[in-house]
PDB file of N, CA and C in Angstrom:
ATOM      1  N   UNK A   1      87.184  71.124 103.769  1.00  0.00           N
ATOM      2  CA  UNK A   1      87.924  71.358 104.996  1.00  0.00           C
ATOM      3  C   UNK A   1      89.118  72.325 104.729  1.00  0.00           C
ATOM      4  N   UNK A   2      89.671  72.170 103.542  1.00  0.00           N
ATOM      5  CA  UNK A   2      90.768  73.032 103.237  1.00  0.00           C
ATOM      6  C   UNK A   2      90.396  74.409 103.069  1.00  0.00           C
ATOM      7  N   UNK A   3      89.254  74.693 102.487  1.00  0.00           N
ATOM      8  CA  UNK A   3      88.682  76.134 102.283  1.00  0.00           C
ATOM      9  C   UNK A   3      88.355  76.659 103.676  1.00  0.00           C
ATOM     10  N   UNK A   4      87.909  75.955 104.640  1.00  0.00           N
ATOM     11  CA  UNK A   4      87.717  76.462 105.934  1.00  0.00           C
ATOM     12  C   UNK A   4      89.004  76.830 106.606  1.00  0.00           C
ATOM     13  N   UNK A   5      89.941  76.065 106.561  1.00  0.00           N
ATOM     14  CA  UNK A   5      91.244  76.355 107.112  1.00  0.00           C
ATOM     15  C   UNK A   5      91.868  77.546 106.467  1.00  0.00           C
ATOM     16  N   UNK A   6      91.725  77.666 105.159  1.00  0.00           N
ATOM     17  CA  UNK A   6      92.274  78.791 104.419  1.00  0.00           C
ATOM     18  C   UNK A   6      91.493  80.148 104.933  1.00  0.00           C
ATOM     19  N   UNK A   7      90.204  80.052 105.016  1.00  0.00           N
ATOM     20  CA  UNK A   7      89.453  81.251 105.450  1.00  0.00           C
ATOM     21  C   UNK A   7      89.950  81.651 106.923  1.00  0.00           C
ATOM     22  N   UNK A   8      90.199  80.734 107.715  1.00  0.00           N
ATOM     23  CA  UNK A   8      90.609  81.031 109.139  1.00  0.00           C
ATOM     24  C   UNK A   8      91.982  81.723 109.074  1.00  0.00           C
ATOM     25  N   UNK A   9      92.822  81.177 108.281  1.00  0.00           N
ATOM     26  CA  UNK A   9      94.187  81.804 108.152  1.00  0.00           C
ATOM     27  C   UNK A   9      94.060  83.129 107.478  1.00  0.00           C
ATOM     28  N   UNK A  10      93.217  83.300 106.513  1.00  0.00           N
ATOM     29  CA  UNK A  10      93.021  84.585 105.815  1.00  0.00           C
ATOM     30  C   UNK A  10      92.535  85.594 106.708  1.00  0.00           C
ATOM     31  N   UNK A  11      91.479  85.251 107.617  1.00  0.00           N
ATOM     32  CA  UNK A  11      90.940  86.215 108.603  1.00  0.00           C
ATOM     33  C   UNK A  11      92.159  86.651 109.569  1.00  0.00           C
ATOM     34  N   UNK A  12      92.982  85.791 110.003  1.00  0.00           N
ATOM     35  CA  UNK A  12      94.071  86.168 110.887  1.00  0.00           C
ATOM     36  C   UNK A  12      95.009  87.135 110.123  1.00  0.00           C
ATOM     37  N   UNK A  13      95.304  86.787 108.817  1.00  0.00           N
ATOM     38  CA  UNK A  13      96.233  87.579 108.091  1.00  0.00           C
ATOM     39  C   UNK A  13      95.593  89.001 107.787  1.00  0.00           C
ATOM     40  N   UNK A  14      94.247  89.069 107.666  1.00  0.00           N
ATOM     41  CA  UNK A  14      93.674  90.340 107.443  1.00  0.00           C
ATOM     42  C   UNK A  14      93.795  91.218 108.628  1.00  0.00           C
ATOM     43  N   UNK A  15      93.601  90.733 109.812  1.00  0.00           N
ATOM     44  CA  UNK A  15      93.786  91.381 111.013  1.00  0.00           C
ATOM     45  C   UNK A  15      95.201  91.948 111.204  1.00  0.00           C
ATOM     46  N   UNK A  16      96.205  91.093 110.925  1.00  0.00           N
ATOM     47  CA  UNK A  16      97.547  91.381 110.962  1.00  0.00           C
ATOM     48  C   UNK A  16      97.859  92.551 109.919  1.00  0.00           C
ATOM     49  N   UNK A  17      97.222  92.286 108.764  1.00  0.00           N
ATOM     50  CA  UNK A  17      97.527  93.248 107.681  1.00  0.00           C
ATOM     51  C   UNK A  17      96.959  94.702 108.003  1.00  0.00           C
ATOM     52  N   UNK A  18      95.763  94.697 108.641  1.00  0.00           N
ATOM     53  CA  UNK A  18      95.281  96.040 109.087  1.00  0.00           C
ATOM     54  C   UNK A  18      96.193  96.743 109.958  1.00  0.00           C
ATOM     55  N   UNK A  19      96.673  95.955 110.926  1.00  0.00           N
ATOM     56  CA  UNK A  19      97.633  96.577 111.900  1.00  0.00           C
ATOM     57  C   UNK A  19      98.934  97.052 111.202  1.00  0.00           C
ATOM     58  N   UNK A  20      99.447  96.212 110.361  1.00  0.00           N
ATOM     59  CA  UNK A  20     100.738  96.545 109.587  1.00  0.00           C
ATOM     60  C   UNK A  20     100.401  97.833 108.675  1.00  0.00           C
ATOM     61  N   UNK A  21      99.296  97.891 107.968  1.00  0.00           N
ATOM     62  CA  UNK A  21      98.943  99.018 107.152  1.00  0.00           C
ATOM     63  C   UNK A  21      98.866 100.342 108.014  1.00  0.00           C
ATOM     64  N   UNK A  22      98.223 100.220 109.198  1.00  0.00           N
ATOM     65  CA  UNK A  22      98.039 101.413 110.034  1.00  0.00           C
ATOM     66  C   UNK A  22      99.365 101.990 110.467  1.00  0.00           C
ATOM     67  N   UNK A  23     100.338 101.057 110.758  1.00  0.00           N
ATOM     68  CA  UNK A  23     101.726 101.398 111.058  1.00  0.00           C
ATOM     69  C   UNK A  23     102.398 102.125 109.840  1.00  0.00           C
ATOM     70  N   UNK A  24     102.276 101.542 108.664  1.00  0.00           N
ATOM     71  CA  UNK A  24     102.807 102.170 107.471  1.00  0.00           C
ATOM     72  C   UNK A  24     102.218 103.500 107.142  1.00  0.00           C
ATOM     73  N   UNK A  25     100.859 103.614 107.297  1.00  0.00           N
ATOM     74  CA  UNK A  25     100.278 104.925 107.126  1.00  0.00           C
ATOM     75  C   UNK A  25     100.749 105.938 108.078  1.00  0.00           C
ATOM     76  N   UNK A  26     100.902 105.609 109.318  1.00  0.00           N
ATOM     77  CA  UNK A  26     101.283 106.604 110.363  1.00  0.00           C
ATOM     78  C   UNK A  26     102.690 107.021 110.060  1.00  0.00           C
ATOM     79  N   UNK A  27     103.597 106.081 109.796  1.00  0.00           N
ATOM     80  CA  UNK A  27     105.077 106.522 109.490  1.00  0.00           C
ATOM     81  C   UNK A  27     105.097 107.248 108.182  1.00  0.00           C
ATOM     82  N   UNK A  28     104.341 106.898 107.238  1.00  0.00           N
ATOM     83  CA  UNK A  28     104.378 107.561 105.894  1.00  0.00           C
ATOM     84  C   UNK A  28     103.927 108.853 105.975  1.00  0.00           C
ATOM     85  N   UNK A  29     102.814 109.064 106.688  1.00  0.00           N
ATOM     86  CA  UNK A  29     102.212 110.488 106.867  1.00  0.00           C
ATOM     87  C   UNK A  29     103.184 111.345 107.678  1.00  0.00           C
ATOM     88  N   UNK A  30     103.846 110.711 108.627  1.00  0.00           N
ATOM     89  CA  UNK A  30     104.779 111.512 109.385  1.00  0.00           C
ATOM     90  C   UNK A  30     105.960 112.028 108.493  1.00  0.00           C
ATOM     91  N   UNK A  31     106.402 111.162 107.662  1.00  0.00           N
ATOM     92  CA  UNK A  31     107.514 111.538 106.690  1.00  0.00           C
ATOM     93  C   UNK A  31     107.070 112.564 105.687  1.00  0.00           C
ATOM     94  N   UNK A  32     105.785 112.273 105.173  1.00  0.00           N
ATOM     95  CA  UNK A  32     105.422 113.171 104.100  1.00  0.00           C
ATOM     96  C   UNK A  32     104.862 114.564 104.595  1.00  0.00           C
ATOM     97  N   UNK A  33     104.134 114.517 105.637  1.00  0.00           N
ATOM     98  CA  UNK A  33     103.538 115.734 106.138  1.00  0.00           C
ATOM     99  C   UNK A  33     104.135 116.312 107.330  1.00  0.00           C
ATOM    100  N   UNK A  34     104.961 115.552 108.074  1.00  0.00           N
ATOM    101  CA  UNK A  34     105.606 116.046 109.242  1.00  0.00           C
ATOM    102  C   UNK A  34     104.661 116.189 110.470  1.00  0.00           C
ATOM    103  N   UNK A  35     103.467 115.384 110.326  1.00  0.00           N
ATOM    104  CA  UNK A  35     102.528 115.370 111.419  1.00  0.00           C
ATOM    105  C   UNK A  35     102.424 113.975 112.000  1.00  0.00           C
ATOM    106  N   UNK A  36     102.080 113.905 113.282  1.00  0.00           N
ATOM    107  CA  UNK A  36     101.989 112.531 113.920  1.00  0.00           C
ATOM    108  C   UNK A  36     100.770 111.801 113.431  1.00  0.00           C
ATOM    109  N   UNK A  37      99.698 112.455 113.149  1.00  0.00           N
ATOM    110  CA  UNK A  37      98.539 111.690 112.690  1.00  0.00           C
ATOM    111  C   UNK A  37      97.921 112.330 111.402  1.00  0.00           C
ATOM    112  N   UNK A  38      97.441 111.537 110.552  1.00  0.00           N
ATOM    113  CA  UNK A  38      96.743 111.948 109.350  1.00  0.00           C
ATOM    114  C   UNK A  38      95.405 112.482 109.752  1.00  0.00           C
ATOM    115  N   UNK A  39      95.056 113.656 109.184  1.00  0.00           N
ATOM    116  CA  UNK A  39      93.716 114.266 109.487  1.00  0.00           C
ATOM    117  C   UNK A  39      92.566 113.276 109.116  1.00  0.00           C
ATOM    118  N   UNK A  40      91.526 113.273 109.961  1.00  0.00           N
ATOM    119  CA  UNK A  40      90.386 112.407 109.717  1.00  0.00           C
ATOM    120  C   UNK A  40      89.237 113.273 109.124  1.00  0.00           C
ATOM    121  N   UNK A  41      88.905 114.381 109.732  1.00  0.00           N
ATOM    122  CA  UNK A  41      87.857 115.242 109.342  1.00  0.00           C
ATOM    123  C   UNK A  41      88.323 116.593 109.082  1.00  0.00           C
ATOM    124  N   UNK A  42      87.804 117.316 108.118  1.00  0.00           N
ATOM    125  CA  UNK A  42      88.286 118.711 107.894  1.00  0.00           C
ATOM    126  C   UNK A  42      87.948 119.586 109.032  1.00  0.00           C
ATOM    127  N   UNK A  43      88.774 120.342 109.494  1.00  0.00           N
ATOM    128  CA  UNK A  43      88.567 121.467 110.471  1.00  0.00           C
ATOM    129  C   UNK A  43      88.932 122.777 109.940  1.00  0.00           C
ATOM    130  N   UNK A  44      88.786 123.766 110.585  1.00  0.00           N
ATOM    131  CA  UNK A  44      89.189 125.089 110.071  1.00  0.00           C
ATOM    132  C   UNK A  44      90.646 125.158 109.926  1.00  0.00           C
ATOM    133  N   UNK A  45      91.430 124.444 110.754  1.00  0.00           N
ATOM    134  CA  UNK A  45      92.950 124.382 110.622  1.00  0.00           C
ATOM    135  C   UNK A  45      93.372 123.408 109.566  1.00  0.00           C
ATOM    136  N   UNK A  46      92.556 122.545 109.109  1.00  0.00           N
ATOM    137  CA  UNK A  46      92.973 121.527 108.149  1.00  0.00           C
ATOM    138  C   UNK A  46      92.185 121.774 106.797  1.00  0.00           C
ATOM    139  N   UNK A  47      92.886 121.802 105.757  1.00  0.00           N
ATOM    140  CA  UNK A  47      92.207 121.992 104.454  1.00  0.00           C
ATOM    141  C   UNK A  47      91.520 120.725 104.035  1.00  0.00           C
ATOM    142  N   UNK A  48      90.338 120.873 103.404  1.00  0.00           N
ATOM    143  CA  UNK A  48      89.558 119.635 102.841  1.00  0.00           C
ATOM    144  C   UNK A  48      90.611 118.876 101.953  1.00  0.00           C
ATOM    145  N   UNK A  49      91.425 119.439 101.190  1.00  0.00           N
ATOM    146  CA  UNK A  49      92.251 118.828 100.294  1.00  0.00           C
ATOM    147  C   UNK A  49      93.247 117.899 100.959  1.00  0.00           C
ATOM    148  N   UNK A  50      93.715 118.386 102.065  1.00  0.00           N
ATOM    149  CA  UNK A  50      94.613 117.556 102.909  1.00  0.00           C
ATOM    150  C   UNK A  50      93.932 116.273 103.414  1.00  0.00           C
ATOM    151  N   UNK A  51      92.688 116.452 103.828  1.00  0.00           N
ATOM    152  CA  UNK A  51      91.926 115.232 104.284  1.00  0.00           C
ATOM    153  C   UNK A  51      91.762 114.190 103.221  1.00  0.00           C
ATOM    154  N   UNK A  52      91.417 114.678 101.975  1.00  0.00           N
ATOM    155  CA  UNK A  52      91.255 113.862 100.828  1.00  0.00           C
ATOM    156  C   UNK A  52      92.512 113.093 100.510  1.00  0.00           C
ATOM    157  N   UNK A  53      93.727 113.852 100.466  1.00  0.00           N
ATOM    158  CA  UNK A  53      95.018 113.258 100.202  1.00  0.00           C
ATOM    159  C   UNK A  53      95.317 112.092 101.298  1.00  0.00           C
ATOM    160  N   UNK A  54      95.041 112.488 102.520  1.00  0.00           N
ATOM    161  CA  UNK A  54      95.357 111.499 103.581  1.00  0.00           C
ATOM    162  C   UNK A  54      94.481 110.292 103.461  1.00  0.00           C
ATOM    163  N   UNK A  55      93.204 110.420 103.063  1.00  0.00           N
ATOM    164  CA  UNK A  55      92.194 109.249 102.905  1.00  0.00           C
ATOM    165  C   UNK A  55      92.648 108.419 101.720  1.00  0.00           C
ATOM    166  N   UNK A  56      93.102 109.153 100.674  1.00  0.00           N
ATOM    167  CA  UNK A  56      93.609 108.352  99.434  1.00  0.00           C
ATOM    168  C   UNK A  56      94.846 107.601  99.769  1.00  0.00           C
ATOM    169  N   UNK A  57      95.788 108.196 100.516  1.00  0.00           N
ATOM    170  CA  UNK A  57      97.005 107.520 100.868  1.00  0.00           C
ATOM    171  C   UNK A  57      96.682 106.304 101.697  1.00  0.00           C
ATOM    172  N   UNK A  58      95.820 106.562 102.756  1.00  0.00           N
ATOM    173  CA  UNK A  58      95.418 105.390 103.669  1.00  0.00           C
ATOM    174  C   UNK A  58      94.765 104.304 102.853  1.00  0.00           C
ATOM    175  N   UNK A  59      93.835 104.598 101.927  1.00  0.00           N
ATOM    176  CA  UNK A  59      93.181 103.575 101.251  1.00  0.00           C
ATOM    177  C   UNK A  59      94.173 102.806 100.335  1.00  0.00           C
ATOM    178  N   UNK A  60      95.099 103.560  99.668  1.00  0.00           N
ATOM    179  CA  UNK A  60      96.032 102.866  98.854  1.00  0.00           C
ATOM    180  C   UNK A  60      96.928 101.902  99.630  1.00  0.00           C
ATOM    181  N   UNK A  61      97.415 102.401 100.700  1.00  0.00           N
ATOM    182  CA  UNK A  61      98.334 101.490 101.573  1.00  0.00           C
ATOM    183  C   UNK A  61      97.510 100.212 101.968  1.00  0.00           C
ATOM    184  N   UNK A  62      96.289 100.421 102.510  1.00  0.00           N
ATOM    185  CA  UNK A  62      95.452  99.195 103.011  1.00  0.00           C
ATOM    186  C   UNK A  62      95.238  98.245 101.839  1.00  0.00           C
ATOM    187  N   UNK A  63      94.940  98.766 100.689  1.00  0.00           N
ATOM    188  CA  UNK A  63      94.635  97.914  99.527  1.00  0.00           C
ATOM    189  C   UNK A  63      95.874  97.147  99.075  1.00  0.00           C
ATOM    190  N   UNK A  64      96.985  97.826  99.036  1.00  0.00           N
ATOM    191  CA  UNK A  64      98.230  97.103  98.639  1.00  0.00           C
ATOM    192  C   UNK A  64      98.635  96.048  99.644  1.00  0.00           C
ATOM    193  N   UNK A  65      98.516  96.395 100.993  1.00  0.00           N
ATOM    194  CA  UNK A  65      98.882  95.348 102.007  1.00  0.00           C
ATOM    195  C   UNK A  65      97.957  94.207 101.905  1.00  0.00           C
ATOM    196  N   UNK A  66      96.677  94.427 101.810  1.00  0.00           N
ATOM    197  CA  UNK A  66      95.640  93.390 101.713  1.00  0.00           C
ATOM    198  C   UNK A  66      95.933  92.453 100.509  1.00  0.00           C
ATOM    199  N   UNK A  67      96.134  93.013  99.314  1.00  0.00           N
ATOM    200  CA  UNK A  67      96.484  92.340  98.148  1.00  0.00           C
ATOM    201  C   UNK A  67      97.728  91.458  98.278  1.00  0.00           C
ATOM    202  N   UNK A  68      98.748  92.025  98.815  1.00  0.00           N
ATOM    203  CA  UNK A  68      99.938  91.259  98.978  1.00  0.00           C
ATOM    204  C   UNK A  68      99.835  90.097  99.959  1.00  0.00           C
ATOM    205  N   UNK A  69      99.223  90.293 101.107  1.00  0.00           N
ATOM    206  CA  UNK A  69      98.994  89.310 102.062  1.00  0.00           C
ATOM    207  C   UNK A  69      98.032  88.131 101.530  1.00  0.00           C
ATOM    208  N   UNK A  70      96.913  88.621 100.869  1.00  0.00           N
ATOM    209  CA  UNK A  70      96.027  87.644 100.120  1.00  0.00           C
ATOM    210  C   UNK A  70      96.688  86.691  99.087  1.00  0.00           C
ATOM    211  N   UNK A  71      97.509  87.278  98.298  1.00  0.00           N
ATOM    212  CA  UNK A  71      98.279  86.624  97.344  1.00  0.00           C
ATOM    213  C   UNK A  71      99.321  85.633  97.872  1.00  0.00           C
ATOM    214  N   UNK A  72      99.905  86.141  98.966  1.00  0.00           N
ATOM    215  CA  UNK A  72     100.926  85.263  99.589  1.00  0.00           C
ATOM    216  C   UNK A  72     100.320  84.073 100.312  1.00  0.00           C
ATOM    217  N   UNK A  73      99.088  84.337 100.853  1.00  0.00           N
ATOM    218  CA  UNK A  73      98.391  83.273 101.483  1.00  0.00           C
ATOM    219  C   UNK A  73      97.958  82.198 100.478  1.00  0.00           C
ATOM    220  N   UNK A  74      97.489  82.668  99.388  1.00  0.00           N
ATOM    221  CA  UNK A  74      96.903  81.765  98.399  1.00  0.00           C
ATOM    222  C   UNK A  74      98.081  80.910  97.761  1.00  0.00           C
ATOM    223  N   UNK A  75      99.244  81.514  97.520  1.00  0.00           N
ATOM    224  CA  UNK A  75     100.387  80.818  96.932  1.00  0.00           C
ATOM    225  C   UNK A  75     100.811  79.815  97.990  1.00  0.00           C
ATOM    226  N   UNK A  76     100.918  80.227  99.272  1.00  0.00           N
ATOM    227  CA  UNK A  76     101.287  79.297 100.323  1.00  0.00           C
ATOM    228  C   UNK A  76     100.374  78.081 100.473  1.00  0.00           C
ATOM    229  N   UNK A  77      99.016  78.272 100.386  1.00  0.00           N
ATOM    230  CA  UNK A  77      98.060  77.296 100.414  1.00  0.00           C
ATOM    231  C   UNK A  77      98.303  76.321  99.248  1.00  0.00           C
ATOM    232  N   UNK A  78      98.584  76.847  98.073  1.00  0.00           N
ATOM    233  CA  UNK A  78      98.738  75.986  96.896  1.00  0.00           C
ATOM    234  C   UNK A  78     100.059  75.126  97.159  1.00  0.00           C
ATOM    235  N   UNK A  79     101.109  75.702  97.614  1.00  0.00           N
ATOM    236  CA  UNK A  79     102.277  74.952  97.918  1.00  0.00           C
ATOM    237  C   UNK A  79     102.075  73.826  98.979  1.00  0.00           C
ATOM    238  N   UNK A  80     101.252  74.137  99.952  1.00  0.00           N
ATOM    239  CA  UNK A  80     100.985  73.117 100.992  1.00  0.00           C
ATOM    240  C   UNK A  80     100.064  72.032 100.586  1.00  0.00           C
ATOM    241  N   UNK A  81      99.002  72.451  99.872  1.00  0.00           N
ATOM    242  CA  UNK A  81      97.891  71.473  99.474  1.00  0.00           C
ATOM    243  C   UNK A  81      97.910  70.992  98.067  1.00  0.00           C
ATOM    244  N   UNK A  82      98.573  71.800  97.201  1.00  0.00           N
ATOM    245  CA  UNK A  82      98.625  71.400  95.815  1.00  0.00           C
ATOM    246  C   UNK A  82      97.453  71.987  94.991  1.00  0.00           C
ATOM    247  N   UNK A  83      96.598  72.699  95.580  1.00  0.00           N
ATOM    248  CA  UNK A  83      95.504  73.274  94.913  1.00  0.00           C
ATOM    249  C   UNK A  83      95.301  74.785  95.269  1.00  0.00           C
ATOM    250  N   UNK A  84      94.814  75.600  94.330  1.00  0.00           N
ATOM    251  CA  UNK A  84      94.550  76.958  94.674  1.00  0.00           C
ATOM    252  C   UNK A  84      93.428  77.035  95.562  1.00  0.00           C
ATOM    253  N   UNK A  85      93.306  78.033  96.510  1.00  0.00           N
ATOM    254  CA  UNK A  85      92.283  77.988  97.546  1.00  0.00           C
ATOM    255  C   UNK A  85      90.875  78.087  96.840  1.00  0.00           C
ATOM    256  N   UNK A  86      90.639  78.810  95.673  1.00  0.00           N
ATOM    257  CA  UNK A  86      89.389  78.991  95.223  1.00  0.00           C
ATOM    258  C   UNK A  86      88.958  77.807  94.197  1.00  0.00           C
ATOM    259  N   UNK A  87      89.879  76.881  93.920  1.00  0.00           N
ATOM    260  CA  UNK A  87      89.583  75.766  93.037  1.00  0.00           C
ATOM    261  C   UNK A  87      88.675  74.707  93.729  1.00  0.00           C
TER     262      UNK A  87
END
């Protein structure tokens, strides 16, 4: 039962984390490139290198946010239940 509750909380945190990471990417790209949106596909006006940099930045932000939220959720679960979620 504990694992099921942890999975439900983890799913909610993942959705929240995706939204948070999206905001961080948008603001970070605006600061770094001075553009409102990171490019998604290369066009004649956008260099392919810029698209790859944007994709790498987005991937890194999403991975760090996911890892931080997953770790925090696991530590919180351990404090509440006394056991690590995967045990």
